[in-house]
Amino acid sequence: MNRNTSPGVGQWVTVSLMVAVSLFLLIKLYQYAGLRGYYPTGLTIAGIDVGGMTPEEASQILTNRYLEAPITLYHRDEQFVISPAEAEFTLDLTRMLSDADFQRVQQDFWAGFWGYLWGTPVEVTPVPLSATHNREALGDVLTRIANLTDEPAQPPQPVPGSLSFQYGVAGTITDIEASFADVEAALYRPTNREARLVVEPRDPIRPDHNLLTRLLVNRVQVFEQESGGVASVFIMDLQTGEEIDLRSDVVMSGMDLLKIPIAVEAYRVLRDVPTLTQRQLISDTLIVGPNNPSTNALLSVIAGADEPYTGARLVTNSMQRLGLKNTFMLTPYDEPMLPGLVKPKTPANSAESLLTRPNDQMQTTAEDIGTLLSMVYYCAQGQGGALMAVFDNEITQEECRQLLQYMRLNEIGSLLEDGVPAGMALAHRHGWISDTLGDAGVMFTPGGDYVVVAFLYKPDWLEWELSSPLVADVARATYNYFNFDQPFLGG
């Protein structure tokens, strides 16, 4: 019997498969061995997949994504494109490529080959970004953009034909420090290289005292040019101490405004609570019109005897001690000069060119009266001040409050009162003679407390119709400056 020794079909199939598998493995092994010179599959450098790349290719793509790709910055609706080089941004390519090469050479050959066959690469550790930038240089870039785009708030302006102020225009300001985080994050990522600058609104600024000064100058110049007279204005912000001075050092007749220092001196010399009679004299001096007999009687109270001339001298001495060098009174009201009395020389009445012809018996300036009122205010508020410092324990906070309270009861319906809303707290004293008019007060308003003093002088005769509206206008402009959001337009 003949036996068939030829391989069967099954054997041929088995051998064929083994040969095919071996060839496949040899080919894959050859391919994998060739890939060993490249970065392993799945490896990332700085967030960029560099698997299968050479160091040169990886370097190129890193450079492209981080150094050549611009950063887009948004400033509200405006767009700016900057180069990373402007922020002196640099990559440490040597370090990152070295770390990546370490990942390549440390990978086990056969484990890597097995993963290559099955499409499941061996896990590799990502290489983090290694880069730096110059924060100061980046700040310069952001500042340059801010300078181009920020809009300064426009200041308020006087409303033409009125004594109020219109709002300024809001602006914008870039918060450089707050913008750094988003911009730096964009620098350090390979995609979505966009950032928004932090832009804050800039509210319109309030009017400053220079704006009020210009408004008042324009108003009083009309009076001075048309009448040949002189306007003297003093304003003090009692919160900040800022002053507005329009000829406030010009000497003026003291008139009834010197009744303020008389009342201050009365409180200083009285050691006990004023009697009913003394309170009435103080009230008549500060509230009632030209009630000169009561004021002269109060001068006698100051003197401690029936000597009003001595009282006038004591008032003058106290004003000098307070530094009010331009304020004096030589005689009581409606009384003549005594023999031997000589008008003192003051900085105001010794000026080279006198603009006014003040009464020789009683003189002051808007600045002196305004400064005295500020002293009384600070004393009443318990904030010390010159009255407390100079007259230690001779005048109290409560006495200063009483003095202002009396002055708040002085209501005449014109002058400073006419320039502020009805019912607003105003402590003032006014006075006028044939050629001079004055009003001085402390204003207590929602927008802040302040002192305002206005004197007007016109040679020979100062018409009421000319002077009273001007003083009201000074009061209205000043009120609107301090109460910018709720102006008083009159009526």
Foldseek 3Di string as FASTA:
>chain_A
DDDDPDDDPVVVVVVVVVVVVVVVLVVLLVVVVVQLQFQAAPEAELNHGRHSHHLVVVVVLVCCLQQVDWAWEDEPPDIDTDGQVLQPKDFPSVVRSVVRVVQSVPDDSVQQSVCVVVVRGDDTDYHHTDMDTHVVSVLVVVVVVQVVAWDPWAAWACDPPFLFIDFTHKIKGWPSVVQVVQQVVLSSHRPPRYGYTDMDIGGHDADDVVRLLVVLCVLVVVVCVVFVWAKWKWKAFLVPRDIRTDPQLAKAACFLLCLLLLLVLLLLQDPDDDDPLLVVLNLCSQAPAPPQVSSLVSLCSSVVHNDSQVSQQVSQVVLVLLVQQFWGARGGPPDDHDPPDDQDDGPNVPDPDHSADYDSGTMGGNVSSQVVLSQLVCQLVVNQHSVCVRSPVSHHNVSSVVSQVSQQNRDDPFQLCQQDDPPWRKRKGWGDDFFKTKMWIWGDDPLGIMIMIMMMGGPRGDDPVSPGVSSSSSNQSVNSSSVVVDGDRGD
